[in-house]
Protein backbone atom coordinates (compact mmCIF):
# COMPACT_ATOMS: atom_id res chain seq x y z
CA MET A 1 -3.51 9.74 6.43
CA ARG A 2 -1.35 11.15 9.80
CA SER A 3 1.29 9.60 11.55
CA ALA A 4 2.92 10.54 14.48
CA THR A 5 5.87 9.57 16.90
CA ASP A 6 6.51 10.40 20.05
CA GLY A 7 8.66 7.88 22.00
CA ASN A 8 7.95 4.78 21.90
CA VAL A 9 4.35 5.70 21.02
CA MET A 10 2.63 5.34 17.17
CA ARG A 11 -0.24 7.14 16.45
CA LEU A 12 -1.50 6.45 13.18
CA SER A 13 -5.52 8.08 11.98
CA LEU A 14 -7.10 6.78 8.51
CA LEU A 15 -9.85 9.25 8.12
CA ARG A 16 -10.95 12.32 9.71
CA ALA A 17 -14.22 12.58 8.35
CA PRO A 18 -15.30 16.48 8.62
CA THR A 19 -18.70 17.41 8.25
CA GLN A 20 -18.21 20.58 6.42
CA PRO A 21 -18.19 21.61 3.56
CA ASP A 22 -19.27 17.97 2.79
CA ALA A 23 -21.50 16.13 4.70
CA ASP A 24 -20.76 12.79 3.06
CA CYS A 25 -17.69 13.09 2.96
CA ASP A 26 -15.26 9.75 3.99
CA MET A 27 -18.74 8.01 4.57
CA GLY A 28 -19.21 4.42 3.17
CA THR A 29 -16.86 1.39 3.43
CA HIS A 30 -12.77 2.10 2.83
CA ARG A 31 -9.99 -0.22 2.51
CA PHE A 32 -6.50 0.55 4.30
CA SER A 33 -3.07 -1.43 3.81
CA TRP A 34 -0.57 -0.04 6.18
CA ALA A 35 3.67 -1.38 7.28
CA ILE A 36 5.66 -1.00 9.96
CA TYR A 37 8.84 -1.36 8.32
CA PRO A 38 11.40 -0.85 11.11
CA HIS A 39 15.56 0.11 9.77
CA VAL A 40 18.67 0.89 10.82
CA GLY A 41 20.38 4.04 10.49
CA THR A 42 18.64 6.88 8.89
CA PHE A 43 15.99 6.82 5.99
CA THR A 44 18.52 7.60 3.15
CA GLU A 45 20.75 4.63 4.61
CA SER A 46 17.93 2.05 4.52
CA ASP A 47 16.23 0.15 1.85
CA VAL A 48 12.96 1.95 2.76
CA ALA A 49 12.47 3.04 -0.22
CA GLN A 50 12.40 -0.13 -1.80
CA VAL A 51 10.53 -1.72 0.10
CA ALA A 52 8.11 0.91 -0.11
CA TYR A 53 7.67 0.75 -3.66
CA ALA A 54 7.33 -3.09 -3.38
CA PHE A 55 4.42 -2.57 -0.46
CA ASN A 56 2.85 -0.38 -3.01
CA SER A 57 3.14 -1.85 -6.57
CA PRO A 58 2.33 -5.64 -5.96
CA LEU A 59 2.47 -8.57 -8.02
CA ARG A 60 0.24 -9.26 -10.09
CA CYS A 61 -0.45 -12.26 -11.92
CA THR A 62 -3.03 -12.83 -15.12
CA PRO A 63 -4.13 -15.98 -15.75
CA ARG A 64 -3.32 -16.92 -19.37
CA VAL A 65 -5.68 -19.42 -21.89
CA VAL A 66 -3.10 -21.52 -23.71
CA HIS A 67 -4.80 -23.40 -26.40
CA VAL A 68 -4.25 -26.81 -27.44
CA GLY A 69 -2.63 -27.43 -30.79
CA LEU A 70 -0.94 -24.33 -31.02
CA GLY A 71 2.87 -24.64 -31.59
CA ALA A 72 4.83 -24.15 -28.32
CA ASP A 73 6.78 -20.99 -29.92
CA LEU A 74 3.00 -19.26 -30.17
CA GLN A 75 2.36 -19.94 -25.68
């Protein structure tokens, strides 16, 4: 994935799809997630790194089975 900016124009290329040396490169279905996060100041003055980490590491929930008859301390 490549991106570029020029003034107020942003460009984002998701796939390159070359045919050499692999004729099947980037073929098929793909899924992408991307975000634009405007911030004030420079990268190091902002919270971009924390926001990027949260975006790339989403909270995942796992269902939990609670068996009837077990004590509250075992749940």
